[in-house]
Amino acid sequence: METTWDCIVVGGGAAGLSAALVLGRARRSTLLVDAGEPSNRHAHGIGGLLGFDGRPPGELYATGRAELASYPSVEVREGTVVRGERVDGAFALELAAGGEVRARRVLLATGMDYRPPALPGVAALWGRTVFHCPFCHGWEVRDLPLSVLDNGDSGVHRALLLRNWSDDVVLLTSGVAGIEPSDRERLEAAGVTVDERPVRGLEERDGELAAIAFADGDRLERSGLLVPAPLHQRSDLAEQLGAAPAEPGPVAVDPVGVDAKYATSADGVFAAGDLSAPMPQVAAAIAAGSTAAAMVVQSLVFDEHGTYPAGAPIVAQRAS
């Protein structure tokens, strides 16, 4: 039987790498299991991350892995965890390729799946000129003709938000009614046009958005499109380990519930990054991974020594 790790980090994106780094520096035996499919892998760059602004996500992850190599207590393995359970006071995780690994703590950092509209042309342009977050991608399409594909209150909000980056914004409701008269006035005052015709698909040129194609055969030249892309869990691993979900939010449909210390409802199971965040952001994922790892270390110290230093604002999480 393989030695029981202090912590297994599931997921090697921003949150997972950050957590493994802190655990390694704390000299805790750590296994990071990474499926190699970060949710932002299609993005042209990471917008707004200090030190990595605009650089490809792969550069961040390669840098993180290189840093982890300096810590002998951390091991990185390629793979996918498909099943998990509590066994004999620890956690047993089954890998898709076969075999089982065990740990005293589990830190989930598996990310989420984006699900943009199933519209012809979206997949080929996703993460570049078709995007879900103007804070991440708006700068790259600034001052260009842009559109928002949405309706109702969220469509109005997205269209007004996108006006930060361009004076030419069209809200596409694709045949769905739901824009209130008062909202139409707000949009008109902001210089946002509303087009209610059903959208048939997207046209591209040289790998970038060229136009919106309507069902009536007409087209609207656009250089960027903002769309809703709800986040969904990639697996039921959190549920298997007993971690309860949080209330759905405007972006995440089924986030994992965590407290201020990134502990889930299952003792010994922590979560960080997009899978437990109300809004996905690389900078926030890095911070969450770092803090969650520190909480893991504190909880292990409690198990080993029975107490924290006086005044330490930490609640222990035991794997029982």
C-alpha atoms as a PDB file:
ATOM      1  CA  MET A   1       0.000   0.000   0.000  1.00  0.00           C
ATOM      2  CA  GLU A   2       1.319   3.417  -0.917  1.00  0.00           C
ATOM      3  CA  THR A   3       2.240   5.789   1.899  1.00  0.00           C
ATOM      4  CA  THR A   4      -0.602   8.019   3.027  1.00  0.00           C
ATOM      5  CA  TRP A   5       0.010  11.617   1.906  1.00  0.00           C
ATOM      6  CA  ASP A   6      -0.632  14.563   4.153  1.00  0.00           C
ATOM      7  CA  CYS A   7      -2.736  16.093   1.375  1.00  0.00           C
ATOM      8  CA  ILE A   8      -3.843  15.237  -2.123  1.00  0.00           C
ATOM      9  CA  VAL A   9      -4.619  18.233  -4.307  1.00  0.00           C
ATOM     10  CA  VAL A  10      -7.022  17.314  -7.108  1.00  0.00           C
ATOM     11  CA  GLY A  11      -6.498  19.660 -10.036  1.00  0.00           C
ATOM     12  CA  GLY A  12      -3.417  21.434 -11.359  1.00  0.00           C
ATOM     13  CA  GLY A  13      -4.794  24.786 -12.455  1.00  0.00           C
ATOM     14  CA  ALA A  14      -4.195  28.107 -10.740  1.00  0.00           C
ATOM     15  CA  ALA A  15      -5.764  27.118  -7.408  1.00  0.00           C
ATOM     16  CA  GLY A  16      -4.233  23.648  -7.304  1.00  0.00           C
ATOM     17  CA  LEU A  17      -0.694  24.776  -8.129  1.00  0.00           C
ATOM     18  CA  SER A  18      -0.923  27.595  -5.620  1.00  0.00           C
ATOM     19  CA  ALA A  19      -2.104  25.201  -2.923  1.00  0.00           C
ATOM     20  CA  ALA A  20       0.619  22.654  -3.672  1.00  0.00           C
ATOM     21  CA  LEU A  21       3.257  25.380  -3.478  1.00  0.00           C
ATOM     22  CA  VAL A  22       2.163  26.448   0.005  1.00  0.00           C
ATOM     23  CA  LEU A  23       1.939  22.824   1.167  1.00  0.00           C
ATOM     24  CA  GLY A  24       5.396  22.124  -0.219  1.00  0.00           C
ATOM     25  CA  ARG A  25       6.883  25.121   1.542  1.00  0.00           C
ATOM     26  CA  ALA A  26       5.284  23.847   4.753  1.00  0.00           C
ATOM     27  CA  ARG A  27       7.121  20.544   4.200  1.00  0.00           C
ATOM     28  CA  ARG A  28       3.909  18.556   3.982  1.00  0.00           C
ATOM     29  CA  SER A  29       3.861  15.448   1.794  1.00  0.00           C
ATOM     30  CA  THR A  30       1.643  16.459  -1.100  1.00  0.00           C
ATOM     31  CA  LEU A  31       0.403  14.718  -4.218  1.00  0.00           C
ATOM     32  CA  LEU A  32      -1.068  16.875  -6.961  1.00  0.00           C
ATOM     33  CA  VAL A  33      -3.176  14.926  -9.467  1.00  0.00           C
ATOM     34  CA  ASP A  34      -3.830  16.895 -12.652  1.00  0.00           C
ATOM     35  CA  ALA A  35      -6.049  15.945 -15.585  1.00  0.00           C
ATOM     36  CA  GLY A  36      -4.333  18.604 -17.720  1.00  0.00           C
ATOM     37  CA  GLU A  37      -7.475  20.401 -18.880  1.00  0.00           C
ATOM     38  CA  PRO A  38      -7.642  23.824 -17.204  1.00  0.00           C
ATOM     39  CA  SER A  39     -10.890  25.623 -17.951  1.00  0.00           C
ATOM     40  CA  ASN A  40      -9.097  28.625 -19.475  1.00  0.00           C
ATOM     41  CA  ARG A  41      -6.942  26.553 -21.831  1.00  0.00           C
ATOM     42  CA  HIS A  42      -8.663  28.077 -24.880  1.00  0.00           C
ATOM     43  CA  ALA A  43      -8.030  31.671 -23.805  1.00  0.00           C
ATOM     44  CA  HIS A  44      -5.532  33.771 -25.745  1.00  0.00           C
ATOM     45  CA  GLY A  45      -4.132  35.088 -22.484  1.00  0.00           C
ATOM     46  CA  ILE A  46      -4.805  35.760 -18.820  1.00  0.00           C
ATOM     47  CA  GLY A  47      -6.233  39.247 -18.550  1.00  0.00           C
ATOM     48  CA  GLY A  48      -5.577  41.267 -15.411  1.00  0.00           C
ATOM     49  CA  LEU A  49      -3.251  38.887 -13.550  1.00  0.00           C
ATOM     50  CA  LEU A  50      -0.347  40.859 -12.106  1.00  0.00           C
ATOM     51  CA  GLY A  51       2.939  39.584 -13.502  1.00  0.00           C
ATOM     52  CA  PHE A  52       1.236  37.470 -16.184  1.00  0.00           C
ATOM     53  CA  ASP A  53      -1.129  39.980 -17.780  1.00  0.00           C
ATOM     54  CA  GLY A  54      -1.976  38.890 -21.319  1.00  0.00           C
ATOM     55  CA  ARG A  55       0.332  35.878 -21.261  1.00  0.00           C
ATOM     56  CA  PRO A  56      -0.978  32.430 -22.300  1.00  0.00           C
ATOM     57  CA  PRO A  57      -2.415  30.317 -19.459  1.00  0.00           C
ATOM     58  CA  GLY A  58       0.019  27.538 -20.309  1.00  0.00           C
ATOM     59  CA  GLU A  59       2.930  29.762 -19.301  1.00  0.00           C
ATOM     60  CA  LEU A  60       1.480  30.238 -15.835  1.00  0.00           C
ATOM     61  CA  TYR A  61       0.954  26.531 -15.325  1.00  0.00           C
ATOM     62  CA  ALA A  62       4.413  25.627 -16.647  1.00  0.00           C
ATOM     63  CA  THR A  63       5.978  28.185 -14.306  1.00  0.00           C
ATOM     64  CA  GLY A  64       3.990  26.821 -11.386  1.00  0.00           C
ATOM     65  CA  ARG A  65       5.057  23.252 -12.063  1.00  0.00           C
ATOM     66  CA  ALA A  66       8.693  24.319 -12.372  1.00  0.00           C
ATOM     67  CA  GLU A  67       8.472  25.998  -8.975  1.00  0.00           C
ATOM     68  CA  LEU A  68       6.926  22.891  -7.405  1.00  0.00           C
ATOM     69  CA  ALA A  69       9.894  20.839  -8.613  1.00  0.00           C
ATOM     70  CA  SER A  70      12.030  22.651  -6.004  1.00  0.00           C
ATOM     71  CA  TYR A  71      10.107  21.022  -3.154  1.00  0.00           C
ATOM     72  CA  PRO A  72      10.883  17.348  -2.525  1.00  0.00           C
ATOM     73  CA  SER A  73       7.692  16.850  -0.533  1.00  0.00           C
ATOM     74  CA  VAL A  74       5.508  17.578  -3.596  1.00  0.00           C
ATOM     75  CA  GLU A  75       4.825  15.102  -6.391  1.00  0.00           C
ATOM     76  CA  VAL A  76       2.824  15.910  -9.534  1.00  0.00           C
ATOM     77  CA  ARG A  77       1.051  13.131 -11.438  1.00  0.00           C
ATOM     78  CA  GLU A  78      -0.980  13.255 -14.617  1.00  0.00           C
ATOM     79  CA  GLY A  79      -4.350  11.654 -14.131  1.00  0.00           C
ATOM     80  CA  THR A  80      -8.004  11.964 -13.234  1.00  0.00           C
ATOM     81  CA  VAL A  81      -9.574  11.091  -9.911  1.00  0.00           C
ATOM     82  CA  VAL A  82     -12.816   9.245 -10.607  1.00  0.00           C
ATOM     83  CA  ARG A  83     -13.885   8.118  -7.153  1.00  0.00           C
ATOM     84  CA  GLY A  84     -13.267   9.015  -3.543  1.00  0.00           C
ATOM     85  CA  GLU A  85     -14.302   7.798  -0.098  1.00  0.00           C
ATOM     86  CA  ARG A  86     -13.335   8.048   3.549  1.00  0.00           C
ATOM     87  CA  VAL A  87     -11.476   4.922   4.698  1.00  0.00           C
ATOM     88  CA  ASP A  88      -9.896   4.231   8.108  1.00  0.00           C
ATOM     89  CA  GLY A  89      -9.668   7.875   9.098  1.00  0.00           C
ATOM     90  CA  ALA A  90      -8.192   8.965   5.772  1.00  0.00           C
ATOM     91  CA  PHE A  91      -9.329   9.406   2.189  1.00  0.00           C
ATOM     92  CA  ALA A  92      -8.935   6.888  -0.629  1.00  0.00           C
ATOM     93  CA  LEU A  93      -9.024   8.253  -4.163  1.00  0.00           C
ATOM     94  CA  GLU A  94      -9.275   6.039  -7.231  1.00  0.00           C
ATOM     95  CA  LEU A  95      -7.518   7.096 -10.447  1.00  0.00           C
ATOM     96  CA  ALA A  96      -8.984   6.620 -13.914  1.00  0.00           C
ATOM     97  CA  ALA A  97      -5.833   4.811 -15.070  1.00  0.00           C
ATOM     98  CA  GLY A  98      -6.092   2.424 -12.140  1.00  0.00           C
ATOM     99  CA  GLY A  99      -4.675   2.407  -8.668  1.00  0.00           C
ATOM    100  CA  GLU A 100      -5.559   4.148  -5.464  1.00  0.00           C
ATOM    101  CA  VAL A 101      -3.928   6.964  -3.506  1.00  0.00           C
ATOM    102  CA  ARG A 102      -4.592   7.902   0.106  1.00  0.00           C
ATOM    103  CA  ALA A 103      -4.305  11.090   2.114  1.00  0.00           C
ATOM    104  CA  ARG A 104      -5.163  12.638   5.454  1.00  0.00           C
ATOM    105  CA  ARG A 105      -6.652  15.661   3.700  1.00  0.00           C
ATOM    106  CA  VAL A 106      -8.088  16.365   0.244  1.00  0.00           C
ATOM    107  CA  LEU A 107      -8.043  19.769  -1.402  1.00  0.00           C
ATOM    108  CA  LEU A 108     -10.355  19.958  -4.400  1.00  0.00           C
ATOM    109  CA  ALA A 109      -9.255  22.354  -7.148  1.00  0.00           C
ATOM    110  CA  THR A 110     -10.815  20.712 -10.188  1.00  0.00           C
ATOM    111  CA  GLY A 111     -12.206  23.884 -11.737  1.00  0.00           C
ATOM    112  CA  MET A 112     -15.493  24.024 -13.600  1.00  0.00           C
ATOM    113  CA  ASP A 113     -16.798  23.512 -17.117  1.00  0.00           C
ATOM    114  CA  TYR A 114     -17.963  26.563 -19.052  1.00  0.00           C
ATOM    115  CA  ARG A 115     -21.094  25.935 -21.094  1.00  0.00           C
ATOM    116  CA  PRO A 116     -21.537  28.736 -23.637  1.00  0.00           C
ATOM    117  CA  PRO A 117     -24.525  28.759 -26.000  1.00  0.00           C
ATOM    118  CA  ALA A 118     -24.675  25.827 -28.421  1.00  0.00           C
ATOM    119  CA  LEU A 119     -24.606  28.127 -31.429  1.00  0.00           C
ATOM    120  CA  PRO A 120     -22.757  27.339 -34.675  1.00  0.00           C
ATOM    121  CA  GLY A 121     -19.389  29.064 -34.647  1.00  0.00           C
ATOM    122  CA  VAL A 122     -19.092  29.612 -30.899  1.00  0.00           C
ATOM    123  CA  ALA A 123     -16.802  26.651 -30.146  1.00  0.00           C
ATOM    124  CA  ALA A 124     -14.224  27.631 -32.762  1.00  0.00           C
ATOM    125  CA  LEU A 125     -13.967  31.183 -31.394  1.00  0.00           C
ATOM    126  CA  TRP A 126     -14.380  30.460 -27.701  1.00  0.00           C
ATOM    127  CA  GLY A 127     -11.865  32.101 -25.384  1.00  0.00           C
ATOM    128  CA  ARG A 128     -10.741  34.661 -27.947  1.00  0.00           C
ATOM    129  CA  THR A 129     -13.287  36.854 -29.734  1.00  0.00           C
ATOM    130  CA  VAL A 130     -16.225  35.007 -28.174  1.00  0.00           C
ATOM    131  CA  PHE A 131     -15.929  35.292 -24.415  1.00  0.00           C
ATOM    132  CA  HIS A 132     -17.834  35.272 -21.126  1.00  0.00           C
ATOM    133  CA  CYS A 133     -15.884  37.868 -19.108  1.00  0.00           C
ATOM    134  CA  PRO A 134     -15.164  41.408 -20.306  1.00  0.00           C
ATOM    135  CA  PHE A 135     -12.662  41.926 -17.492  1.00  0.00           C
ATOM    136  CA  CYS A 136     -10.603  39.050 -18.919  1.00  0.00           C
ATOM    137  CA  HIS A 137     -11.045  39.762 -22.635  1.00  0.00           C
ATOM    138  CA  GLY A 138     -12.459  43.261 -23.056  1.00  0.00           C
ATOM    139  CA  TRP A 139      -9.117  45.021 -23.412  1.00  0.00           C
ATOM    140  CA  GLU A 140      -8.191  42.928 -26.443  1.00  0.00           C
ATOM    141  CA  VAL A 141     -11.348  44.019 -28.305  1.00  0.00           C
ATOM    142  CA  ARG A 142     -11.476  47.606 -27.054  1.00  0.00           C
ATOM    143  CA  ASP A 143     -12.955  50.216 -29.410  1.00  0.00           C
ATOM    144  CA  LEU A 144     -14.150  47.504 -31.810  1.00  0.00           C
ATOM    145  CA  PRO A 145     -17.777  46.744 -32.814  1.00  0.00           C
ATOM    146  CA  LEU A 146     -19.056  44.351 -30.137  1.00  0.00           C
ATOM    147  CA  SER A 147     -22.227  42.437 -29.295  1.00  0.00           C
ATOM    148  CA  VAL A 148     -23.846  40.702 -26.347  1.00  0.00           C
ATOM    149  CA  LEU A 149     -25.938  37.567 -26.934  1.00  0.00           C
ATOM    150  CA  ASP A 150     -28.393  37.484 -24.038  1.00  0.00           C
ATOM    151  CA  ASN A 151     -31.773  38.774 -22.910  1.00  0.00           C
ATOM    152  CA  GLY A 152     -33.654  39.958 -19.847  1.00  0.00           C
ATOM    153  CA  ASP A 153     -31.931  41.614 -16.896  1.00  0.00           C
ATOM    154  CA  SER A 154     -28.638  39.789 -17.459  1.00  0.00           C
ATOM    155  CA  GLY A 155     -28.530  40.887 -21.083  1.00  0.00           C
ATOM    156  CA  VAL A 156     -29.085  44.500 -20.117  1.00  0.00           C
ATOM    157  CA  HIS A 157     -26.386  44.289 -17.456  1.00  0.00           C
ATOM    158  CA  ARG A 158     -23.850  42.688 -19.790  1.00  0.00           C
ATOM    159  CA  ALA A 159     -24.508  45.215 -22.541  1.00  0.00           C
ATOM    160  CA  LEU A 160     -24.097  48.194 -20.223  1.00  0.00           C
ATOM    161  CA  LEU A 161     -20.967  46.639 -18.718  1.00  0.00           C
ATOM    162  CA  LEU A 162     -19.425  46.070 -22.134  1.00  0.00           C
ATOM    163  CA  ARG A 163     -19.799  49.776 -22.892  1.00  0.00           C
ATOM    164  CA  ASN A 164     -16.679  50.264 -20.762  1.00  0.00           C
ATOM    165  CA  TRP A 165     -14.654  48.847 -23.641  1.00  0.00           C
ATOM    166  CA  SER A 166     -16.467  50.105 -26.750  1.00  0.00           C
ATOM    167  CA  ASP A 167     -18.890  52.789 -27.904  1.00  0.00           C
ATOM    168  CA  ASP A 168     -20.366  50.348 -30.443  1.00  0.00           C
ATOM    169  CA  VAL A 169     -22.346  47.664 -28.594  1.00  0.00           C
ATOM    170  CA  VAL A 170     -25.391  45.761 -29.874  1.00  0.00           C
ATOM    171  CA  LEU A 171     -27.524  43.600 -27.594  1.00  0.00           C
ATOM    172  CA  LEU A 172     -28.801  40.510 -29.426  1.00  0.00           C
ATOM    173  CA  THR A 173     -31.853  38.891 -27.848  1.00  0.00           C
ATOM    174  CA  SER A 174     -32.161  36.251 -30.603  1.00  0.00           C
ATOM    175  CA  GLY A 175     -35.931  36.398 -30.787  1.00  0.00           C
ATOM    176  CA  VAL A 176     -36.532  36.247 -27.031  1.00  0.00           C
ATOM    177  CA  ALA A 177     -38.667  39.034 -25.582  1.00  0.00           C
ATOM    178  CA  GLY A 178     -37.992  40.349 -22.124  1.00  0.00           C
ATOM    179  CA  ILE A 179     -36.415  43.804 -22.277  1.00  0.00           C
ATOM    180  CA  GLU A 180     -38.503  46.140 -20.139  1.00  0.00           C
ATOM    181  CA  PRO A 181     -39.332  49.621 -21.500  1.00  0.00           C
ATOM    182  CA  SER A 182     -37.323  51.258 -18.715  1.00  0.00           C
ATOM    183  CA  ASP A 183     -34.314  49.085 -19.604  1.00  0.00           C
ATOM    184  CA  ARG A 184     -34.664  49.989 -23.268  1.00  0.00           C
ATOM    185  CA  GLU A 185     -34.431  53.622 -22.255  1.00  0.00           C
ATOM    186  CA  ARG A 186     -31.287  52.941 -20.245  1.00  0.00           C
ATOM    187  CA  LEU A 187     -29.730  51.078 -23.145  1.00  0.00           C
ATOM    188  CA  GLU A 188     -30.643  53.823 -25.596  1.00  0.00           C
ATOM    189  CA  ALA A 189     -29.205  56.473 -23.270  1.00  0.00           C
ATOM    190  CA  ALA A 190     -25.960  54.476 -23.117  1.00  0.00           C
ATOM    191  CA  GLY A 191     -25.824  54.151 -26.895  1.00  0.00           C
ATOM    192  CA  VAL A 192     -26.583  50.418 -26.949  1.00  0.00           C
ATOM    193  CA  THR A 193     -28.685  49.125 -29.853  1.00  0.00           C
ATOM    194  CA  VAL A 194     -31.096  46.214 -29.343  1.00  0.00           C
ATOM    195  CA  ASP A 195     -31.537  43.692 -32.176  1.00  0.00           C
ATOM    196  CA  GLU A 196     -34.255  41.092 -31.539  1.00  0.00           C
ATOM    197  CA  ARG A 197     -33.845  38.963 -34.662  1.00  0.00           C
ATOM    198  CA  PRO A 198     -33.067  35.262 -34.150  1.00  0.00           C
ATOM    199  CA  VAL A 199     -29.350  34.526 -34.509  1.00  0.00           C
ATOM    200  CA  ARG A 200     -28.439  31.620 -36.789  1.00  0.00           C
ATOM    201  CA  GLY A 201     -24.703  31.444 -36.112  1.00  0.00           C
ATOM    202  CA  LEU A 202     -21.346  33.170 -36.221  1.00  0.00           C
ATOM    203  CA  GLU A 203     -19.025  33.870 -39.126  1.00  0.00           C
ATOM    204  CA  GLU A 204     -15.265  33.889 -38.671  1.00  0.00           C
ATOM    205  CA  ARG A 205     -12.307  35.214 -40.585  1.00  0.00           C
ATOM    206  CA  ASP A 206      -8.714  34.169 -39.878  1.00  0.00           C
ATOM    207  CA  GLY A 207      -9.753  32.596 -36.590  1.00  0.00           C
ATOM    208  CA  GLU A 208     -11.606  35.657 -35.313  1.00  0.00           C
ATOM    209  CA  LEU A 209     -15.244  36.708 -35.223  1.00  0.00           C
ATOM    210  CA  ALA A 210     -16.272  38.516 -38.410  1.00  0.00           C
ATOM    211  CA  ALA A 211     -20.067  38.739 -38.259  1.00  0.00           C
ATOM    212  CA  ILE A 212     -23.308  37.635 -36.637  1.00  0.00           C
ATOM    213  CA  ALA A 213     -25.518  35.671 -39.051  1.00  0.00           C
ATOM    214  CA  PHE A 214     -29.265  36.080 -38.586  1.00  0.00           C
ATOM    215  CA  ALA A 215     -32.010  33.604 -39.470  1.00  0.00           C
ATOM    216  CA  ASP A 216     -33.426  36.072 -42.014  1.00  0.00           C
ATOM    217  CA  GLY A 217     -30.187  35.874 -44.030  1.00  0.00           C
ATOM    218  CA  ASP A 218     -28.866  39.239 -42.940  1.00  0.00           C
ATOM    219  CA  ARG A 219     -25.543  39.681 -41.152  1.00  0.00           C
ATOM    220  CA  LEU A 220     -24.036  42.151 -38.712  1.00  0.00           C
ATOM    221  CA  GLU A 221     -20.286  42.711 -38.771  1.00  0.00           C
ATOM    222  CA  ARG A 222     -18.850  42.346 -35.269  1.00  0.00           C
ATOM    223  CA  SER A 223     -15.370  41.810 -33.850  1.00  0.00           C
ATOM    224  CA  GLY A 224     -16.289  40.474 -30.420  1.00  0.00           C
ATOM    225  CA  LEU A 225     -19.208  38.702 -28.738  1.00  0.00           C
ATOM    226  CA  LEU A 226     -19.959  38.456 -25.017  1.00  0.00           C
ATOM    227  CA  VAL A 227     -22.105  35.451 -24.064  1.00  0.00           C
ATOM    228  CA  PRO A 228     -23.325  33.846 -20.833  1.00  0.00           C
ATOM    229  CA  ALA A 229     -21.458  30.637 -20.005  1.00  0.00           C
ATOM    230  CA  PRO A 230     -22.760  29.034 -16.794  1.00  0.00           C
ATOM    231  CA  LEU A 231     -20.242  27.018 -14.784  1.00  0.00           C
ATOM    232  CA  HIS A 232     -20.928  23.365 -13.975  1.00  0.00           C
ATOM    233  CA  GLN A 233     -19.038  20.822 -11.864  1.00  0.00           C
ATOM    234  CA  ARG A 234     -16.805  18.518 -13.872  1.00  0.00           C
ATOM    235  CA  SER A 235     -17.458  15.489 -11.682  1.00  0.00           C
ATOM    236  CA  ASP A 236     -19.335  14.366  -8.597  1.00  0.00           C
ATOM    237  CA  LEU A 237     -16.135  13.829  -6.575  1.00  0.00           C
ATOM    238  CA  ALA A 238     -17.056  16.514  -4.041  1.00  0.00           C
ATOM    239  CA  GLU A 239     -20.427  14.854  -3.521  1.00  0.00           C
ATOM    240  CA  GLN A 240     -18.795  11.437  -3.124  1.00  0.00           C
ATOM    241  CA  LEU A 241     -16.599  12.842  -0.364  1.00  0.00           C
ATOM    242  CA  GLY A 242     -19.610  14.323   1.407  1.00  0.00           C
ATOM    243  CA  ALA A 243     -19.103  17.987   0.534  1.00  0.00           C
ATOM    244  CA  ALA A 244     -22.411  19.819   0.280  1.00  0.00           C
ATOM    245  CA  PRO A 245     -23.114  22.267  -2.548  1.00  0.00           C
ATOM    246  CA  ALA A 246     -23.619  25.991  -2.070  1.00  0.00           C
ATOM    247  CA  GLU A 247     -26.557  27.962  -3.385  1.00  0.00           C
ATOM    248  CA  PRO A 248     -26.436  28.545  -7.161  1.00  0.00           C
ATOM    249  CA  GLY A 249     -25.152  31.957  -8.200  1.00  0.00           C
ATOM    250  CA  PRO A 250     -25.444  34.111 -11.304  1.00  0.00           C
ATOM    251  CA  VAL A 251     -22.455  32.311 -12.895  1.00  0.00           C
ATOM    252  CA  ALA A 252     -21.868  29.019 -11.057  1.00  0.00           C
ATOM    253  CA  VAL A 253     -24.795  26.600 -11.239  1.00  0.00           C
ATOM    254  CA  ASP A 254     -23.597  24.086  -8.632  1.00  0.00           C
ATOM    255  CA  PRO A 255     -20.619  25.430  -6.648  1.00  0.00           C
ATOM    256  CA  VAL A 256     -19.146  23.468  -3.754  1.00  0.00           C
ATOM    257  CA  GLY A 257     -19.923  25.094  -0.429  1.00  0.00           C
ATOM    258  CA  VAL A 258     -16.956  26.323   1.650  1.00  0.00           C
ATOM    259  CA  ASP A 259     -16.546  28.478   4.734  1.00  0.00           C
ATOM    260  CA  ALA A 260     -14.139  31.391   5.182  1.00  0.00           C
ATOM    261  CA  LYS A 261     -11.288  28.903   5.623  1.00  0.00           C
ATOM    262  CA  TYR A 262     -12.141  27.004   2.405  1.00  0.00           C
ATOM    263  CA  ALA A 263     -13.300  23.978   4.398  1.00  0.00           C
ATOM    264  CA  THR A 264     -16.276  22.096   2.970  1.00  0.00           C
ATOM    265  CA  SER A 265     -19.020  20.477   5.015  1.00  0.00           C
ATOM    266  CA  ALA A 266     -17.012  17.222   4.927  1.00  0.00           C
ATOM    267  CA  ASP A 267     -14.329  17.194   7.634  1.00  0.00           C
ATOM    268  CA  GLY A 268     -10.893  17.029   6.082  1.00  0.00           C
ATOM    269  CA  VAL A 269     -12.046  18.105   2.617  1.00  0.00           C
ATOM    270  CA  PHE A 270     -11.179  21.603   1.401  1.00  0.00           C
ATOM    271  CA  ALA A 271     -11.977  23.306  -1.900  1.00  0.00           C
ATOM    272  CA  ALA A 272     -10.516  26.275  -3.735  1.00  0.00           C
ATOM    273  CA  GLY A 273     -10.787  27.973  -7.102  1.00  0.00           C
ATOM    274  CA  ASP A 274     -13.615  28.061  -9.593  1.00  0.00           C
ATOM    275  CA  LEU A 275     -15.454  25.004  -8.246  1.00  0.00           C
ATOM    276  CA  SER A 276     -16.322  26.896  -5.051  1.00  0.00           C
ATOM    277  CA  ALA A 277     -16.219  30.527  -6.217  1.00  0.00           C
ATOM    278  CA  PRO A 278     -19.156  32.760  -7.146  1.00  0.00           C
ATOM    279  CA  MET A 279     -17.194  34.147 -10.095  1.00  0.00           C
ATOM    280  CA  PRO A 280     -14.196  32.595 -11.910  1.00  0.00           C
ATOM    281  CA  GLN A 281     -10.974  34.599 -11.823  1.00  0.00           C
ATOM    282  CA  VAL A 282      -7.378  33.398 -11.990  1.00  0.00           C
ATOM    283  CA  ALA A 283      -6.105  35.866  -9.401  1.00  0.00           C
ATOM    284  CA  ALA A 284      -8.847  34.848  -6.963  1.00  0.00           C
ATOM    285  CA  ALA A 285      -8.129  31.155  -7.593  1.00  0.00           C
ATOM    286  CA  ILE A 286      -4.448  31.636  -6.761  1.00  0.00           C
ATOM    287  CA  ALA A 287      -5.344  33.431  -3.539  1.00  0.00           C
ATOM    288  CA  ALA A 288      -7.934  30.798  -2.597  1.00  0.00           C
ATOM    289  CA  GLY A 289      -5.503  27.947  -3.215  1.00  0.00           C
ATOM    290  CA  SER A 290      -2.871  29.600  -1.049  1.00  0.00           C
ATOM    291  CA  THR A 291      -5.243  30.234   1.846  1.00  0.00           C
ATOM    292  CA  ALA A 292      -6.874  26.803   1.628  1.00  0.00           C
ATOM    293  CA  ALA A 293      -3.471  25.122   1.788  1.00  0.00           C
ATOM    294  CA  ALA A 294      -2.555  27.116   4.891  1.00  0.00           C
ATOM    295  CA  MET A 295      -5.802  25.951   6.489  1.00  0.00           C
ATOM    296  CA  VAL A 296      -4.938  22.349   5.605  1.00  0.00           C
ATOM    297  CA  VAL A 297      -1.582  22.712   7.340  1.00  0.00           C
ATOM    298  CA  GLN A 298      -3.230  24.250  10.412  1.00  0.00           C
ATOM    299  CA  SER A 299      -5.715  21.390  10.605  1.00  0.00           C
ATOM    300  CA  LEU A 300      -2.921  18.819  10.389  1.00  0.00           C
ATOM    301  CA  VAL A 301      -1.057  20.564  13.199  1.00  0.00           C
ATOM    302  CA  PHE A 302      -4.202  20.323  15.312  1.00  0.00           C
ATOM    303  CA  ASP A 303      -4.410  16.582  14.685  1.00  0.00           C
ATOM    304  CA  GLU A 304      -0.781  16.107  15.627  1.00  0.00           C
ATOM    305  CA  HIS A 305      -0.548  18.423  18.633  1.00  0.00           C
ATOM    306  CA  GLY A 306      -4.127  18.987  19.757  1.00  0.00           C
ATOM    307  CA  THR A 307      -4.129  22.756  19.893  1.00  0.00           C
ATOM    308  CA  TYR A 308      -3.302  25.972  18.099  1.00  0.00           C
ATOM    309  CA  PRO A 309      -1.245  28.865  19.415  1.00  0.00           C
ATOM    310  CA  ALA A 310      -3.259  31.167  21.660  1.00  0.00           C
ATOM    311  CA  GLY A 311      -5.564  33.407  19.679  1.00  0.00           C
ATOM    312  CA  ALA A 312      -5.164  31.529  16.388  1.00  0.00           C
ATOM    313  CA  PRO A 313      -8.472  32.015  14.513  1.00  0.00           C
ATOM    314  CA  ILE A 314      -8.561  28.530  13.048  1.00  0.00           C
ATOM    315  CA  VAL A 315     -11.188  25.825  13.320  1.00  0.00           C
ATOM    316  CA  ALA A 316      -9.793  22.308  13.020  1.00  0.00           C
ATOM    317  CA  GLN A 317     -11.022  19.962  10.326  1.00  0.00           C
ATOM    318  CA  ARG A 318     -10.550  16.349  11.307  1.00  0.00           C
ATOM    319  CA  ALA A 319     -10.728  13.384   8.937  1.00  0.00           C
ATOM    320  CA  SER A 320     -12.782  11.048  11.088  1.00  0.00           C
END
